[in-house]
Amino acid sequence: MQISDALAIRALAHPLRLDLLELLSTIGPATAARCGRALGVPQANCSFHLRQLAKYGFVEDAGPGRDRRERQWQVPERRPTIRIAGNPVVQRELERVVIQRETRAILDFAEREDEQSAQWRVKAGMVTALAVLSAEEAAELRAQWQALLAPYVARTQADGVEGVEGDDPQTGQRAVRYFMAATPLPDFTSGGNSNESDH
């Protein structure tokens, strides 16, 4: 399934909806109540946003929950592919929400003080670099980065990871978010912004 409709893509531009998609991808089918407990938001909010996601095919009904009174939601087996090309306004809107959400998650993790987070911080850490690339080389690096992550992403898509925190006590595996952003610096060599003049 490919989604290119501007309204459908704009439906993703809400941080709670992205949180719900991430949670369902991690724990598998869940009710709005379980999602609310995991994310610390009211069940009614989760129900509303899950229905909006379902309207555009991002989630689907997974049948009744354990008590048979509330439906479960899941990410479709064939996950939607998003195509934003041709609509720069929608693209910027979604990018802004994603960047703000990822920045918040990085800062939240940096501020955690529990022992487990400290262990992960030492081993996983953060990587920053200033590289000199052409646009084509940047595209190649992005493709290599995606290929490197692909087998680990496939684990989540195939099996899900049990538990709200994405923890597997037998192997030490847990759901880990990765975010790569290439942000080219301004062209300092063009001289177009220079206020200096020759005398």
C-alpha atoms as a PDB file:
ATOM      1  CA  MET A   1       0.000   0.000   0.000  1.00  0.00           C
ATOM      2  CA  GLN A   2       1.335   3.453  -0.921  1.00  0.00           C
ATOM      3  CA  ILE A   3      -0.107   6.611   0.606  1.00  0.00           C
ATOM      4  CA  SER A   4       0.431   9.869  -1.249  1.00  0.00           C
ATOM      5  CA  ASP A   5      -2.805  11.690  -0.377  1.00  0.00           C
ATOM      6  CA  ALA A   6      -1.999  14.966   1.385  1.00  0.00           C
ATOM      7  CA  LEU A   7      -4.838  14.566   3.922  1.00  0.00           C
ATOM      8  CA  ALA A   8      -3.684  11.046   4.832  1.00  0.00           C
ATOM      9  CA  ILE A   9      -0.090  12.167   5.293  1.00  0.00           C
ATOM     10  CA  ARG A  10      -1.195  15.209   7.284  1.00  0.00           C
ATOM     11  CA  ALA A  11      -3.088  12.816   9.559  1.00  0.00           C
ATOM     12  CA  LEU A  12       0.335  11.644  10.783  1.00  0.00           C
ATOM     13  CA  ALA A  13       1.422  15.144  11.743  1.00  0.00           C
ATOM     14  CA  HIS A  14       0.499  14.742  15.405  1.00  0.00           C
ATOM     15  CA  PRO A  15       3.026  13.490  17.973  1.00  0.00           C
ATOM     16  CA  LEU A  16       0.525  11.222  19.782  1.00  0.00           C
ATOM     17  CA  ARG A  17      -0.366   9.476  16.532  1.00  0.00           C
ATOM     18  CA  LEU A  18       3.307   8.809  15.857  1.00  0.00           C
ATOM     19  CA  ASP A  19       3.658   7.569  19.450  1.00  0.00           C
ATOM     20  CA  LEU A  20       0.726   5.193  18.931  1.00  0.00           C
ATOM     21  CA  LEU A  21       2.183   3.814  15.698  1.00  0.00           C
ATOM     22  CA  GLU A  22       5.528   3.269  17.387  1.00  0.00           C
ATOM     23  CA  LEU A  23       3.920   1.589  20.394  1.00  0.00           C
ATOM     24  CA  LEU A  24       1.791  -0.774  18.299  1.00  0.00           C
ATOM     25  CA  SER A  25       4.835  -1.637  16.193  1.00  0.00           C
ATOM     26  CA  THR A  26       6.672  -2.526  19.395  1.00  0.00           C
ATOM     27  CA  ILE A  27       4.095  -4.412  21.467  1.00  0.00           C
ATOM     28  CA  GLY A  28       1.718  -5.680  18.799  1.00  0.00           C
ATOM     29  CA  PRO A  29      -2.096  -5.468  19.021  1.00  0.00           C
ATOM     30  CA  ALA A  30      -3.334  -3.373  21.939  1.00  0.00           C
ATOM     31  CA  THR A  31      -6.472  -1.638  23.158  1.00  0.00           C
ATOM     32  CA  ALA A  32      -6.759   2.114  23.517  1.00  0.00           C
ATOM     33  CA  ALA A  33      -6.713   1.599  27.285  1.00  0.00           C
ATOM     34  CA  ARG A  34      -3.387  -0.247  27.176  1.00  0.00           C
ATOM     35  CA  CYS A  35      -1.954   2.393  24.842  1.00  0.00           C
ATOM     36  CA  GLY A  36      -3.104   5.107  27.226  1.00  0.00           C
ATOM     37  CA  ARG A  37      -1.427   3.422  30.202  1.00  0.00           C
ATOM     38  CA  ALA A  38       1.810   2.935  28.282  1.00  0.00           C
ATOM     39  CA  LEU A  39       1.949   6.503  26.981  1.00  0.00           C
ATOM     40  CA  GLY A  40       0.520   8.217  30.051  1.00  0.00           C
ATOM     41  CA  VAL A  41      -2.407   9.818  28.204  1.00  0.00           C
ATOM     42  CA  PRO A  42      -6.193   9.434  28.612  1.00  0.00           C
ATOM     43  CA  GLN A  43      -7.798   6.425  26.947  1.00  0.00           C
ATOM     44  CA  ALA A  44     -10.274   8.714  25.170  1.00  0.00           C
ATOM     45  CA  ASN A  45      -7.417  10.568  23.469  1.00  0.00           C
ATOM     46  CA  CYS A  46      -5.914   7.299  22.276  1.00  0.00           C
ATOM     47  CA  SER A  47      -9.289   6.074  21.002  1.00  0.00           C
ATOM     48  CA  PHE A  48      -9.814   9.234  18.967  1.00  0.00           C
ATOM     49  CA  HIS A  49      -6.359   9.230  17.406  1.00  0.00           C
ATOM     50  CA  LEU A  50      -6.439   5.488  16.703  1.00  0.00           C
ATOM     51  CA  ARG A  51      -9.710   5.959  14.814  1.00  0.00           C
ATOM     52  CA  GLN A  52      -8.124   8.752  12.785  1.00  0.00           C
ATOM     53  CA  LEU A  53      -5.123   6.556  11.970  1.00  0.00           C
ATOM     54  CA  ALA A  54      -7.482   3.740  10.957  1.00  0.00           C
ATOM     55  CA  LYS A  55      -9.394   6.098   8.661  1.00  0.00           C
ATOM     56  CA  TYR A  56      -6.284   6.417   6.497  1.00  0.00           C
ATOM     57  CA  GLY A  57      -5.050   2.835   6.792  1.00  0.00           C
ATOM     58  CA  PHE A  58      -2.171   3.379   9.228  1.00  0.00           C
ATOM     59  CA  VAL A  59      -3.739   1.020  11.804  1.00  0.00           C
ATOM     60  CA  GLU A  60      -6.530  -1.542  11.646  1.00  0.00           C
ATOM     61  CA  ASP A  61      -8.984  -3.337  13.903  1.00  0.00           C
ATOM     62  CA  ALA A  62      -7.367  -6.427  15.462  1.00  0.00           C
ATOM     63  CA  GLY A  63     -10.516  -7.829  17.043  1.00  0.00           C
ATOM     64  CA  PRO A  64     -11.708  -7.710  20.651  1.00  0.00           C
ATOM     65  CA  GLY A  65      -9.337  -7.572  23.597  1.00  0.00           C
ATOM     66  CA  ARG A  66      -9.126 -10.105  26.420  1.00  0.00           C
ATOM     67  CA  ASP A  67     -12.288  -8.912  28.137  1.00  0.00           C
ATOM     68  CA  ARG A  68     -14.187  -8.811  24.808  1.00  0.00           C
ATOM     69  CA  ARG A  69     -15.451  -5.328  25.591  1.00  0.00           C
ATOM     70  CA  GLU A  70     -12.854  -3.207  23.819  1.00  0.00           C
ATOM     71  CA  ARG A  71     -11.334  -3.569  20.386  1.00  0.00           C
ATOM     72  CA  GLN A  72      -7.634  -3.965  19.802  1.00  0.00           C
ATOM     73  CA  TRP A  73      -5.673  -2.059  17.186  1.00  0.00           C
ATOM     74  CA  GLN A  74      -2.636  -3.147  15.192  1.00  0.00           C
ATOM     75  CA  VAL A  75      -0.325  -1.916  12.456  1.00  0.00           C
ATOM     76  CA  PRO A  76      -1.271  -3.609   9.152  1.00  0.00           C
ATOM     77  CA  GLU A  77       0.900  -6.503   8.028  1.00  0.00           C
ATOM     78  CA  ARG A  78       1.645  -4.600   4.833  1.00  0.00           C
ATOM     79  CA  ARG A  79       2.735  -1.313   6.326  1.00  0.00           C
ATOM     80  CA  PRO A  80       1.852   1.827   4.365  1.00  0.00           C
ATOM     81  CA  THR A  81       4.594   3.436   2.289  1.00  0.00           C
ATOM     82  CA  ILE A  82       4.441   7.211   2.482  1.00  0.00           C
ATOM     83  CA  ARG A  83       5.195   9.305  -0.599  1.00  0.00           C
ATOM     84  CA  ILE A  84       5.341  13.042   0.135  1.00  0.00           C
ATOM     85  CA  ALA A  85       6.976  14.225  -3.106  1.00  0.00           C
ATOM     86  CA  GLY A  86       5.225  17.110  -4.808  1.00  0.00           C
ATOM     87  CA  ASN A  87       3.685  18.675  -1.698  1.00  0.00           C
ATOM     88  CA  PRO A  88       6.374  20.704   0.113  1.00  0.00           C
ATOM     89  CA  VAL A  89       3.904  22.207   2.619  1.00  0.00           C
ATOM     90  CA  VAL A  90       2.755  18.798   3.847  1.00  0.00           C
ATOM     91  CA  GLN A  91       6.339  17.523   3.820  1.00  0.00           C
ATOM     92  CA  ARG A  92       7.571  20.392   6.006  1.00  0.00           C
ATOM     93  CA  GLU A  93       4.610  19.984   8.367  1.00  0.00           C
ATOM     94  CA  LEU A  94       5.302  16.282   8.915  1.00  0.00           C
ATOM     95  CA  GLU A  95       9.080  16.785   9.117  1.00  0.00           C
ATOM     96  CA  ARG A  96       8.642  19.440  11.810  1.00  0.00           C
ATOM     97  CA  VAL A  97       6.514  17.124  13.969  1.00  0.00           C
ATOM     98  CA  VAL A  98       8.951  14.217  13.518  1.00  0.00           C
ATOM     99  CA  ILE A  99      12.001  16.356  14.356  1.00  0.00           C
ATOM    100  CA  GLN A 100      10.370  17.859  17.454  1.00  0.00           C
ATOM    101  CA  ARG A 101       9.252  14.420  18.628  1.00  0.00           C
ATOM    102  CA  GLU A 102      12.672  12.829  18.097  1.00  0.00           C
ATOM    103  CA  THR A 103      14.436  15.739  19.789  1.00  0.00           C
ATOM    104  CA  ARG A 104      12.154  15.357  22.805  1.00  0.00           C
ATOM    105  CA  ALA A 105      12.867  11.615  22.960  1.00  0.00           C
ATOM    106  CA  ILE A 106      16.632  12.169  22.807  1.00  0.00           C
ATOM    107  CA  LEU A 107      16.509  14.768  25.581  1.00  0.00           C
ATOM    108  CA  ASP A 108      14.231  12.570  27.721  1.00  0.00           C
ATOM    109  CA  PHE A 109      16.684   9.684  27.426  1.00  0.00           C
ATOM    110  CA  ALA A 110      19.669  11.936  28.201  1.00  0.00           C
ATOM    111  CA  GLU A 111      17.954  13.047  31.419  1.00  0.00           C
ATOM    112  CA  ARG A 112      17.051   9.567  32.710  1.00  0.00           C
ATOM    113  CA  GLU A 113      19.070   8.571  35.729  1.00  0.00           C
ATOM    114  CA  ASP A 114      18.189   4.898  36.196  1.00  0.00           C
ATOM    115  CA  GLU A 115      20.964   2.307  36.051  1.00  0.00           C
ATOM    116  CA  GLN A 116      19.685   0.601  32.916  1.00  0.00           C
ATOM    117  CA  SER A 117      19.632   3.854  30.941  1.00  0.00           C
ATOM    118  CA  ALA A 118      23.176   4.590  32.078  1.00  0.00           C
ATOM    119  CA  GLN A 119      24.341   1.203  30.750  1.00  0.00           C
ATOM    120  CA  TRP A 120      22.680   1.796  27.404  1.00  0.00           C
ATOM    121  CA  ARG A 121      24.080   5.333  27.246  1.00  0.00           C
ATOM    122  CA  VAL A 122      27.635   4.016  27.592  1.00  0.00           C
ATOM    123  CA  LYS A 123      27.209   1.269  24.980  1.00  0.00           C
ATOM    124  CA  ALA A 124      24.892   2.882  22.464  1.00  0.00           C
ATOM    125  CA  GLY A 125      25.681   6.540  22.996  1.00  0.00           C
ATOM    126  CA  MET A 126      25.338   9.280  20.415  1.00  0.00           C
ATOM    127  CA  VAL A 127      27.337   9.966  17.305  1.00  0.00           C
ATOM    128  CA  THR A 128      27.896  13.404  15.853  1.00  0.00           C
ATOM    129  CA  ALA A 129      30.173  14.230  12.949  1.00  0.00           C
ATOM    130  CA  LEU A 130      30.928  16.908  10.407  1.00  0.00           C
ATOM    131  CA  ALA A 131      31.544  15.258   7.040  1.00  0.00           C
ATOM    132  CA  VAL A 132      32.272  16.742   3.613  1.00  0.00           C
ATOM    133  CA  LEU A 133      29.901  15.174   1.066  1.00  0.00           C
ATOM    134  CA  SER A 134      28.173  15.785  -2.216  1.00  0.00           C
ATOM    135  CA  ALA A 135      24.391  15.377  -2.364  1.00  0.00           C
ATOM    136  CA  GLU A 136      24.924  12.056  -4.152  1.00  0.00           C
ATOM    137  CA  GLU A 137      27.317  10.846  -1.447  1.00  0.00           C
ATOM    138  CA  ALA A 138      24.821  11.887   1.230  1.00  0.00           C
ATOM    139  CA  ALA A 139      22.166   9.787  -0.509  1.00  0.00           C
ATOM    140  CA  GLU A 140      24.566   6.832  -0.638  1.00  0.00           C
ATOM    141  CA  LEU A 141      25.390   7.190   3.065  1.00  0.00           C
ATOM    142  CA  ARG A 142      21.698   7.291   3.924  1.00  0.00           C
ATOM    143  CA  ALA A 143      21.089   4.111   1.915  1.00  0.00           C
ATOM    144  CA  GLN A 144      23.988   2.365   3.678  1.00  0.00           C
ATOM    145  CA  TRP A 145      22.638   3.443   7.074  1.00  0.00           C
ATOM    146  CA  GLN A 146      19.177   2.105   6.206  1.00  0.00           C
ATOM    147  CA  ALA A 147      20.665  -1.177   4.955  1.00  0.00           C
ATOM    148  CA  LEU A 148      22.648  -1.544   8.175  1.00  0.00           C
ATOM    149  CA  LEU A 149      19.503  -1.134  10.286  1.00  0.00           C
ATOM    150  CA  ALA A 150      17.245  -3.245   8.045  1.00  0.00           C
ATOM    151  CA  PRO A 151      17.790  -6.678   9.684  1.00  0.00           C
ATOM    152  CA  TYR A 152      17.133  -5.225  13.136  1.00  0.00           C
ATOM    153  CA  VAL A 153      14.023  -3.364  11.975  1.00  0.00           C
ATOM    154  CA  ALA A 154      12.795  -6.626  10.430  1.00  0.00           C
ATOM    155  CA  ARG A 155      12.794  -8.252  13.881  1.00  0.00           C
ATOM    156  CA  THR A 156      10.197  -5.784  15.112  1.00  0.00           C
ATOM    157  CA  GLN A 157       8.077  -6.070  12.001  1.00  0.00           C
ATOM    158  CA  ALA A 158       8.141  -9.878  12.101  1.00  0.00           C
ATOM    159  CA  ASP A 159       7.654 -10.595  15.774  1.00  0.00           C
ATOM    160  CA  GLY A 160       7.027  -7.439  17.750  1.00  0.00           C
ATOM    161  CA  VAL A 161       8.757  -6.985  21.083  1.00  0.00           C
ATOM    162  CA  GLU A 162       6.793  -8.014  24.163  1.00  0.00           C
ATOM    163  CA  GLY A 163       6.329  -5.566  26.995  1.00  0.00           C
ATOM    164  CA  VAL A 164       5.496  -1.881  27.173  1.00  0.00           C
ATOM    165  CA  GLU A 165       9.158  -0.943  27.496  1.00  0.00           C
ATOM    166  CA  GLY A 166      10.166  -3.251  24.673  1.00  0.00           C
ATOM    167  CA  ASP A 167      12.334  -5.346  26.999  1.00  0.00           C
ATOM    168  CA  ASP A 168      13.318  -8.976  26.437  1.00  0.00           C
ATOM    169  CA  PRO A 169      14.867 -10.165  29.743  1.00  0.00           C
ATOM    170  CA  GLN A 170      16.385 -13.307  28.206  1.00  0.00           C
ATOM    171  CA  THR A 171      18.476 -11.604  25.542  1.00  0.00           C
ATOM    172  CA  GLY A 172      18.754  -8.037  26.801  1.00  0.00           C
ATOM    173  CA  GLN A 173      17.096  -6.829  23.597  1.00  0.00           C
ATOM    174  CA  ARG A 174      14.747  -3.893  23.631  1.00  0.00           C
ATOM    175  CA  ALA A 175      13.175  -1.527  21.156  1.00  0.00           C
ATOM    176  CA  VAL A 176      15.664   1.227  20.320  1.00  0.00           C
ATOM    177  CA  ARG A 177      14.855   4.359  18.341  1.00  0.00           C
ATOM    178  CA  TYR A 178      17.275   5.592  15.709  1.00  0.00           C
ATOM    179  CA  PHE A 179      17.100   9.000  14.062  1.00  0.00           C
ATOM    180  CA  MET A 180      19.460  10.199  11.361  1.00  0.00           C
ATOM    181  CA  ALA A 181      19.304  13.744  10.024  1.00  0.00           C
ATOM    182  CA  ALA A 182      21.700  15.212   7.491  1.00  0.00           C
ATOM    183  CA  THR A 183      21.696  19.004   7.858  1.00  0.00           C
ATOM    184  CA  PRO A 184      24.028  20.706   5.344  1.00  0.00           C
ATOM    185  CA  LEU A 185      25.672  23.887   6.569  1.00  0.00           C
ATOM    186  CA  PRO A 186      25.179  27.099   4.580  1.00  0.00           C
ATOM    187  CA  ASP A 187      27.577  27.643   1.703  1.00  0.00           C
ATOM    188  CA  PHE A 188      30.167  29.831   3.425  1.00  0.00           C
ATOM    189  CA  THR A 189      32.407  29.936   0.334  1.00  0.00           C
ATOM    190  CA  SER A 190      30.005  31.607  -2.094  1.00  0.00           C
ATOM    191  CA  GLY A 191      30.504  35.089  -0.639  1.00  0.00           C
ATOM    192  CA  GLY A 192      26.900  35.948  -1.313  1.00  0.00           C
ATOM    193  CA  ASN A 193      26.271  36.973   2.289  1.00  0.00           C
ATOM    194  CA  SER A 194      29.529  38.828   2.801  1.00  0.00           C
ATOM    195  CA  ASN A 195      29.367  42.468   3.849  1.00  0.00           C
ATOM    196  CA  GLU A 196      33.074  43.007   3.279  1.00  0.00           C
ATOM    197  CA  SER A 197      34.275  45.196   0.406  1.00  0.00           C
ATOM    198  CA  ASP A 198      37.677  45.685  -1.146  1.00  0.00           C
ATOM    199  CA  HIS A 199      39.392  49.033  -0.787  1.00  0.00           C
END
